[in-house]
Protein backbone atom coordinates (compact mmCIF):
# COMPACT_ATOMS: atom_id res chain seq x y z
CA UNK A 1 107.20 123.22 84.24
CA UNK A 2 108.39 125.13 87.29
CA UNK A 3 110.06 123.21 90.36
CA UNK A 4 109.12 125.10 93.09
CA UNK A 5 109.93 124.62 97.07
CA UNK A 6 107.20 122.84 98.89
CA UNK A 7 105.85 124.46 101.68
CA UNK A 8 106.68 122.35 104.98
CA UNK A 9 107.07 123.72 108.49
CA UNK A 10 105.55 122.73 111.84
CA UNK A 11 101.90 123.27 110.85
CA UNK A 12 102.00 120.90 107.65
CA UNK A 13 104.14 118.43 109.84
CA UNK A 14 101.34 118.40 111.97
CA UNK A 15 99.16 118.29 108.89
CA UNK A 16 100.42 115.02 107.89
CA UNK A 17 100.37 113.23 111.00
CA UNK A 18 96.87 113.62 111.32
CA UNK A 19 96.07 112.61 107.33
CA UNK A 20 98.15 109.62 108.36
CA UNK A 21 95.81 108.68 111.64
CA UNK A 22 92.83 108.79 110.09
CA UNK A 23 90.99 105.68 108.97
CA UNK A 24 91.30 105.91 104.84
CA UNK A 25 88.96 104.06 101.91
CA UNK A 26 86.14 104.17 103.85
CA UNK A 27 82.74 105.05 102.78
CA UNK A 28 81.39 108.21 102.14
CA UNK A 29 78.49 110.51 100.12
CA UNK A 30 80.58 109.95 97.35
CA UNK A 31 82.13 106.90 97.67
CA UNK A 32 80.98 103.54 98.73
CA UNK A 33 84.34 102.38 100.48
CA UNK A 34 86.77 99.43 99.58
CA UNK A 35 85.10 96.26 98.64
CA UNK A 36 86.57 94.44 101.45
CA UNK A 37 88.18 95.03 104.97
CA UNK A 38 91.39 93.26 104.03
CA UNK A 39 91.42 95.69 100.28
CA UNK A 40 90.74 98.96 102.83
CA UNK A 41 93.48 98.00 105.16
CA UNK A 42 96.15 97.36 102.50
CA UNK A 43 94.94 100.33 100.09
CA UNK A 44 95.18 102.39 103.71
CA UNK A 45 98.81 101.14 104.04
CA UNK A 46 99.92 102.26 100.89
CA UNK A 47 99.09 105.99 101.56
CA UNK A 48 100.15 105.49 105.04
CA UNK A 49 103.60 104.47 103.38
CA UNK A 50 103.89 107.77 101.67
CA UNK A 51 103.09 109.67 104.58
CA UNK A 52 105.72 107.88 106.21
CA UNK A 53 108.44 108.48 103.75
CA UNK A 54 107.61 112.29 103.12
CA UNK A 55 107.39 112.77 107.06
CA UNK A 56 110.86 111.41 107.01
CA UNK A 57 112.41 112.94 103.97
CA UNK A 58 110.59 116.56 103.90
CA UNK A 59 112.43 119.78 104.76
CA UNK A 60 111.80 123.27 104.50
CA UNK A 61 113.97 123.50 101.05
CA UNK A 62 112.64 120.05 99.30
CA UNK A 63 111.21 120.79 95.61
CA UNK A 64 108.22 119.87 94.16
CA UNK A 65 109.86 117.15 91.94
CA UNK A 66 110.74 115.21 94.83
CA UNK A 67 107.19 114.79 96.46
CA UNK A 68 105.63 114.15 93.01
CA UNK A 69 108.67 111.26 92.66
CA UNK A 70 107.13 110.02 95.74
CA UNK A 71 103.76 109.90 94.31
CA UNK A 72 105.03 107.82 91.14
CA UNK A 73 106.64 105.25 93.67
CA UNK A 74 103.57 104.96 95.89
CA UNK A 75 101.67 104.86 92.85
CA UNK A 76 103.92 102.09 91.43
CA UNK A 77 103.02 99.76 94.66
CA UNK A 78 99.22 100.44 94.55
CA UNK A 79 97.56 97.15 92.90
CA UNK A 80 94.32 98.10 93.16
CA UNK A 81 93.18 98.06 89.97
CA UNK A 82 89.25 99.11 91.36
CA UNK A 83 89.37 102.60 89.42
CA UNK A 84 87.00 104.07 92.18
CA UNK A 85 90.03 102.99 94.64
CA UNK A 86 92.27 104.53 92.35
CA UNK A 87 89.95 107.78 92.48
CA UNK A 88 90.11 107.53 96.29
CA UNK A 89 94.12 106.95 96.65
CA UNK A 90 94.39 110.44 94.12
CA UNK A 91 92.30 112.29 96.47
CA UNK A 92 94.86 111.25 99.70
CA UNK A 93 97.26 112.65 96.92
CA UNK A 94 95.68 115.89 96.61
CA UNK A 95 95.25 115.88 100.08
CA UNK A 96 99.19 115.66 100.37
CA UNK A 97 99.50 118.50 97.93
CA UNK A 98 97.18 120.54 99.44
CA UNK A 99 99.32 120.70 102.80
CA UNK A 100 102.73 121.19 100.91
CA UNK A 101 101.16 124.32 98.59
CA UNK A 102 101.84 122.19 95.83
CA UNK A 103 98.95 123.40 93.50
CA UNK A 104 99.47 121.44 90.14
CA UNK A 105 100.43 117.43 89.45
CA UNK A 106 101.47 117.91 86.34
CA UNK A 107 98.85 115.68 84.99
CA UNK A 108 100.68 112.94 86.71
CA UNK A 109 97.37 112.41 88.90
CA UNK A 110 95.27 112.46 85.30
CA UNK A 111 97.49 110.29 83.59
CA UNK A 112 97.85 107.57 86.30
CA UNK A 113 94.14 107.23 86.73
CA UNK A 114 92.99 108.25 83.12
CA UNK A 115 95.80 106.88 81.34
CA UNK A 116 96.03 110.53 79.93
CA UNK A 117 96.03 114.20 81.30
CA UNK A 118 92.79 115.80 80.09
CA UNK A 119 94.27 119.43 80.63
CA UNK A 120 97.25 118.21 77.83
CA UNK A 121 94.47 117.83 75.03
């Protein structure tokens, strides 16, 4: 498992700021939306807190392991047990991965959502 430097410059900072500003856990074609507005706001807060931590700590020399470590902290604080919200939470983590050019979570996301990494089978 390699630990490459993530991509982080002005364009990635701007993309994270845009993601932070977006309303999250709302209904779309594949996701029915959070069950209540209170749960939506709480879940959105967890994603935004993660983005805030990343914005304050990422540098052009940040390693993938640091970002995945921040994901673990965010996952530990995400108390929504509904699988749809957990999957949607991971979709925001995947967007962060795309922004920072992280190609794989090394099984972290699958293990958290499903309890195992199907790629490890």
